[in-house]
Amino acid sequence: IDEKIEVVLNENECIREIVHIGDTVWISLSKSTKLVVVATNTKRVLRVISLKGYLLRTGLRHGLDLQQSDLYITTLFYDGALVWVGTNIGVVLAIRFPVESVGGEEGDA
């Protein structure tokens, strides 16, 4: 092991998926609405993006009575311009890359 990078934010979260994008790595956590963005050159966490608020509002608009524990990211895909984020409630989000164009740390997208 060359280096260890700790991105798991609490004891209930573990890494679900990792996608390499440009000079970053996007990490989704299991049973979580958080994306962790890490710089590949410095191994620093650049940003933690929470999609919780957006997903709760979307669920309410569709008549779903959701709790935070009901929401999580299921998959990530990068197509060269957008990061596609699939969720367990059937909502797919497209986030423009680079990461600077996305909401702030721990903020809702």
C-alpha atoms as a PDB file:
ATOM      1  CA  ILE A   1       0.000   0.000   0.000  1.00  0.00           C
ATOM      2  CA  ASP A   2       1.547   3.294  -1.118  1.00  0.00           C
ATOM      3  CA  GLU A   3      -0.815   5.670   0.646  1.00  0.00           C
ATOM      4  CA  LYS A   4      -3.932   5.630   2.744  1.00  0.00           C
ATOM      5  CA  ILE A   5      -6.684   8.180   2.171  1.00  0.00           C
ATOM      6  CA  GLU A   6      -9.500   8.288   4.688  1.00  0.00           C
ATOM      7  CA  VAL A   7     -12.798   9.359   3.147  1.00  0.00           C
ATOM      8  CA  VAL A   8     -15.312   7.351   5.169  1.00  0.00           C
ATOM      9  CA  LEU A   9     -17.116   9.992   7.188  1.00  0.00           C
ATOM     10  CA  ASN A  10     -18.677   7.885   9.920  1.00  0.00           C
ATOM     11  CA  GLU A  11     -18.746   4.301  11.085  1.00  0.00           C
ATOM     12  CA  ASN A  12     -21.935   3.473   9.148  1.00  0.00           C
ATOM     13  CA  GLU A  13     -20.551   4.483   5.749  1.00  0.00           C
ATOM     14  CA  CYS A  14     -18.313   2.489   3.469  1.00  0.00           C
ATOM     15  CA  ILE A  15     -17.112   3.050  -0.082  1.00  0.00           C
ATOM     16  CA  ARG A  16     -19.578   1.933  -2.745  1.00  0.00           C
ATOM     17  CA  GLU A  17     -18.068   3.139  -6.015  1.00  0.00           C
ATOM     18  CA  ILE A  18     -15.021   5.037  -7.294  1.00  0.00           C
ATOM     19  CA  VAL A  19     -14.811   6.872 -10.637  1.00  0.00           C
ATOM     20  CA  HIS A  20     -11.635   8.531 -11.971  1.00  0.00           C
ATOM     21  CA  ILE A  21     -12.397  11.901 -13.584  1.00  0.00           C
ATOM     22  CA  GLY A  22      -9.620  14.177 -14.804  1.00  0.00           C
ATOM     23  CA  ASP A  23      -7.261  14.750 -11.871  1.00  0.00           C
ATOM     24  CA  THR A  24      -9.885  13.708  -9.313  1.00  0.00           C
ATOM     25  CA  VAL A  25     -11.528  10.593  -7.973  1.00  0.00           C
ATOM     26  CA  TRP A  26     -15.260  10.697  -7.149  1.00  0.00           C
ATOM     27  CA  ILE A  27     -16.297   8.315  -4.398  1.00  0.00           C
ATOM     28  CA  SER A  28     -19.838   7.349  -3.474  1.00  0.00           C
ATOM     29  CA  LEU A  29     -20.541   5.938  -0.049  1.00  0.00           C
ATOM     30  CA  SER A  30     -22.946   3.076   0.583  1.00  0.00           C
ATOM     31  CA  LYS A  31     -26.413   3.997   1.840  1.00  0.00           C
ATOM     32  CA  SER A  32     -25.437   7.672   1.562  1.00  0.00           C
ATOM     33  CA  THR A  33     -26.280  10.736  -0.521  1.00  0.00           C
ATOM     34  CA  LYS A  34     -22.698  12.015  -0.267  1.00  0.00           C
ATOM     35  CA  LEU A  35     -20.060  12.188  -2.975  1.00  0.00           C
ATOM     36  CA  VAL A  36     -16.450  12.660  -1.885  1.00  0.00           C
ATOM     37  CA  VAL A  37     -14.116  14.277  -4.434  1.00  0.00           C
ATOM     38  CA  VAL A  38     -10.389  13.611  -3.927  1.00  0.00           C
ATOM     39  CA  ALA A  39      -7.460  15.146  -5.846  1.00  0.00           C
ATOM     40  CA  THR A  40      -5.349  12.342  -7.310  1.00  0.00           C
ATOM     41  CA  ASN A  41      -2.091  14.317  -7.138  1.00  0.00           C
ATOM     42  CA  THR A  42      -2.332  15.527  -3.499  1.00  0.00           C
ATOM     43  CA  LYS A  43      -4.675  12.808  -2.120  1.00  0.00           C
ATOM     44  CA  ARG A  44      -6.655  15.617  -0.423  1.00  0.00           C
ATOM     45  CA  VAL A  45     -10.419  15.627  -0.117  1.00  0.00           C
ATOM     46  CA  LEU A  46     -11.466  18.597  -2.253  1.00  0.00           C
ATOM     47  CA  ARG A  47     -15.152  18.523  -1.565  1.00  0.00           C
ATOM     48  CA  VAL A  48     -17.946  16.534  -0.004  1.00  0.00           C
ATOM     49  CA  ILE A  49     -21.143  16.994  -2.003  1.00  0.00           C
ATOM     50  CA  SER A  50     -24.437  16.167  -0.310  1.00  0.00           C
ATOM     51  CA  LEU A  51     -27.416  15.483  -2.572  1.00  0.00           C
ATOM     52  CA  LYS A  52     -29.766  14.862   0.367  1.00  0.00           C
ATOM     53  CA  GLY A  53     -31.778  18.108   0.207  1.00  0.00           C
ATOM     54  CA  TYR A  54     -32.276  17.937  -3.530  1.00  0.00           C
ATOM     55  CA  LEU A  55     -33.399  14.305  -3.394  1.00  0.00           C
ATOM     56  CA  LEU A  56     -35.803  14.952  -0.501  1.00  0.00           C
ATOM     57  CA  ARG A  57     -37.395  17.865  -2.396  1.00  0.00           C
ATOM     58  CA  THR A  58     -37.633  15.786  -5.583  1.00  0.00           C
ATOM     59  CA  GLY A  59     -39.235  12.907  -3.712  1.00  0.00           C
ATOM     60  CA  LEU A  60     -41.816  15.216  -2.125  1.00  0.00           C
ATOM     61  CA  ARG A  61     -42.756  16.643  -5.530  1.00  0.00           C
ATOM     62  CA  HIS A  62     -43.524  13.092  -6.655  1.00  0.00           C
ATOM     63  CA  GLY A  63     -45.550  12.256  -3.568  1.00  0.00           C
ATOM     64  CA  LEU A  64     -42.896  10.111  -1.895  1.00  0.00           C
ATOM     65  CA  ASP A  65     -42.680  10.306   1.890  1.00  0.00           C
ATOM     66  CA  LEU A  66     -38.945   9.852   2.265  1.00  0.00           C
ATOM     67  CA  GLN A  67     -36.651   9.870   5.232  1.00  0.00           C
ATOM     68  CA  GLN A  68     -32.947  10.597   4.919  1.00  0.00           C
ATOM     69  CA  SER A  69     -32.172   6.905   5.469  1.00  0.00           C
ATOM     70  CA  ASP A  70     -34.380   6.034   2.467  1.00  0.00           C
ATOM     71  CA  LEU A  71     -32.078   7.879   0.041  1.00  0.00           C
ATOM     72  CA  TYR A  72     -28.762   6.816  -1.388  1.00  0.00           C
ATOM     73  CA  ILE A  73     -26.563   6.900  -4.473  1.00  0.00           C
ATOM     74  CA  THR A  74     -26.543   3.645  -6.439  1.00  0.00           C
ATOM     75  CA  THR A  75     -24.131   4.343  -9.293  1.00  0.00           C
ATOM     76  CA  LEU A  76     -21.727   6.859 -10.879  1.00  0.00           C
ATOM     77  CA  PHE A  77     -20.814   7.315 -14.532  1.00  0.00           C
ATOM     78  CA  TYR A  78     -18.665   9.926 -16.283  1.00  0.00           C
ATOM     79  CA  ASP A  79     -19.179  10.693 -19.981  1.00  0.00           C
ATOM     80  CA  GLY A  80     -16.473  13.321 -20.552  1.00  0.00           C
ATOM     81  CA  ALA A  81     -18.507  16.378 -19.511  1.00  0.00           C
ATOM     82  CA  LEU A  82     -21.042  15.227 -16.926  1.00  0.00           C
ATOM     83  CA  VAL A  83     -20.971  13.012 -13.869  1.00  0.00           C
ATOM     84  CA  TRP A  84     -24.174  10.956 -13.904  1.00  0.00           C
ATOM     85  CA  VAL A  85     -25.406   9.968 -10.451  1.00  0.00           C
ATOM     86  CA  GLY A  86     -28.063   7.269 -10.129  1.00  0.00           C
ATOM     87  CA  THR A  87     -30.169   6.995  -6.981  1.00  0.00           C
ATOM     88  CA  ASN A  88     -32.367   4.371  -5.382  1.00  0.00           C
ATOM     89  CA  ILE A  89     -35.533   6.452  -5.923  1.00  0.00           C
ATOM     90  CA  GLY A  90     -35.157   6.518  -9.698  1.00  0.00           C
ATOM     91  CA  VAL A  91     -33.750  10.034  -9.908  1.00  0.00           C
ATOM     92  CA  VAL A  92     -30.662  10.453 -12.097  1.00  0.00           C
ATOM     93  CA  LEU A  93     -28.640  13.629 -11.615  1.00  0.00           C
ATOM     94  CA  ALA A  94     -26.170  15.070 -14.127  1.00  0.00           C
ATOM     95  CA  ILE A  95     -23.412  17.158 -12.504  1.00  0.00           C
ATOM     96  CA  ARG A  96     -21.196  19.263 -14.721  1.00  0.00           C
ATOM     97  CA  PHE A  97     -17.466  18.650 -14.393  1.00  0.00           C
ATOM     98  CA  PRO A  98     -15.094  20.216 -13.147  1.00  0.00           C
ATOM     99  CA  VAL A  99     -15.836  19.990  -9.461  1.00  0.00           C
ATOM    100  CA  GLU A 100     -15.562  23.768  -8.940  1.00  0.00           C
ATOM    101  CA  SER A 101     -18.941  24.171 -10.650  1.00  0.00           C
ATOM    102  CA  VAL A 102     -20.666  22.004  -8.016  1.00  0.00           C
ATOM    103  CA  GLY A 103     -22.025  23.164  -4.646  1.00  0.00           C
ATOM    104  CA  GLY A 104     -19.841  23.673  -1.596  1.00  0.00           C
ATOM    105  CA  GLU A 105     -18.645  21.278   1.037  1.00  0.00           C
ATOM    106  CA  GLU A 106     -21.473  19.490   2.787  1.00  0.00           C
ATOM    107  CA  GLY A 107     -23.879  21.697   0.827  1.00  0.00           C
ATOM    108  CA  ASP A 108     -26.929  20.486  -0.983  1.00  0.00           C
ATOM    109  CA  ALA A 109     -26.632  20.434  -4.741  1.00  0.00           C
END
